[in-house]
């Protein structure tokens, strides 16, 4: 499954889906990332958090971030 994120809220929702899929609580992810649960709540709601936190959470959840030009993503999606 590919989640396309165009905003902080999209990214937060994708992280929330990954966390839930793995049966992990916000508290556990917070402990793994070395932040408070409220910071994870802010991350999942698209709030102002450090990009490094988002990248760390994604990596700890077993996913990766791929940066690609929008036109490459859109043309790949329409060719399916």
Protein backbone atom coordinates (compact mmCIF):
# COMPACT_ATOMS: atom_id res chain seq x y z
CA UNK A 1 0.00 0.00 0.00
CA UNK A 2 1.29 3.42 -0.95
CA UNK A 3 0.23 6.44 1.06
CA UNK A 4 0.75 9.72 -0.76
CA UNK A 5 1.29 12.63 1.59
CA UNK A 6 0.92 16.18 0.33
CA UNK A 7 0.53 17.85 3.71
CA UNK A 8 1.49 17.42 7.34
CA UNK A 9 -2.02 16.07 7.98
CA UNK A 10 -1.64 13.44 5.22
CA UNK A 11 1.70 12.38 6.71
CA UNK A 12 0.24 12.22 10.21
CA UNK A 13 -2.68 10.10 9.05
CA UNK A 14 -0.30 7.72 7.28
CA UNK A 15 1.77 7.35 10.46
CA UNK A 16 -1.40 6.73 12.48
CA UNK A 17 -2.47 4.00 10.02
CA UNK A 18 0.96 2.35 10.24
CA UNK A 19 0.90 2.48 14.05
CA UNK A 20 -2.62 1.05 14.25
CA UNK A 21 -1.81 -1.67 11.72
CA UNK A 22 1.01 -2.81 13.98
CA UNK A 23 -1.23 -2.75 17.05
CA UNK A 24 0.92 -0.11 18.71
CA UNK A 25 -0.35 2.55 21.08
CA UNK A 26 0.58 6.21 20.88
CA UNK A 27 2.31 5.79 24.23
CA UNK A 28 4.52 2.99 22.94
CA UNK A 29 5.47 4.90 19.79
CA UNK A 30 6.22 7.93 21.94
CA UNK A 31 8.55 5.88 24.13
CA UNK A 32 10.32 4.46 21.06
CA UNK A 33 10.75 7.96 19.63
CA UNK A 34 11.79 9.52 22.95
CA UNK A 35 8.92 12.03 23.06
CA UNK A 36 5.64 12.46 24.93
CA UNK A 37 2.36 10.89 23.86
CA UNK A 38 1.03 14.41 23.24
CA UNK A 39 3.80 14.93 20.68
CA UNK A 40 2.67 11.78 18.85
CA UNK A 41 -0.91 13.07 18.97
CA UNK A 42 0.30 16.32 17.39
CA UNK A 43 2.24 14.38 14.75
CA UNK A 44 -0.78 12.25 13.83
CA UNK A 45 -2.99 15.34 13.64
CA UNK A 46 -0.60 17.18 11.32
CA UNK A 47 0.57 19.55 14.01
CA UNK A 48 3.91 21.34 14.19
CA UNK A 49 6.56 18.72 15.00
CA UNK A 50 10.10 18.20 13.77
CA UNK A 51 10.47 16.45 10.42
CA UNK A 52 13.13 14.27 12.04
CA UNK A 53 10.48 12.96 14.45
CA UNK A 54 8.18 12.01 11.58
CA UNK A 55 11.03 10.25 9.77
CA UNK A 56 12.06 8.42 12.96
CA UNK A 57 8.48 7.27 13.60
CA UNK A 58 8.12 6.04 10.03
CA UNK A 59 11.38 4.08 10.26
CA UNK A 60 10.48 2.58 13.65
CA UNK A 61 7.15 1.48 12.19
CA UNK A 62 8.98 -0.42 9.46
CA UNK A 63 8.19 1.89 6.56
CA UNK A 64 10.20 4.28 4.44
CA UNK A 65 9.78 7.64 2.80
CA UNK A 66 10.25 8.02 -0.93
CA UNK A 67 10.55 11.48 -2.42
CA UNK A 68 9.51 11.72 -6.06
CA UNK A 69 8.30 14.45 -8.37
CA UNK A 70 4.51 14.78 -8.28
CA UNK A 71 4.24 14.24 -12.03
CA UNK A 72 6.04 10.88 -11.70
CA UNK A 73 3.60 9.75 -9.02
CA UNK A 74 0.57 10.96 -10.96
CA UNK A 75 1.67 9.33 -14.22
CA UNK A 76 2.35 6.04 -12.42
CA UNK A 77 -1.10 6.13 -10.82
CA UNK A 78 -2.89 6.82 -14.10
CA UNK A 79 -1.05 4.06 -15.98
CA UNK A 80 -2.52 1.35 -13.71
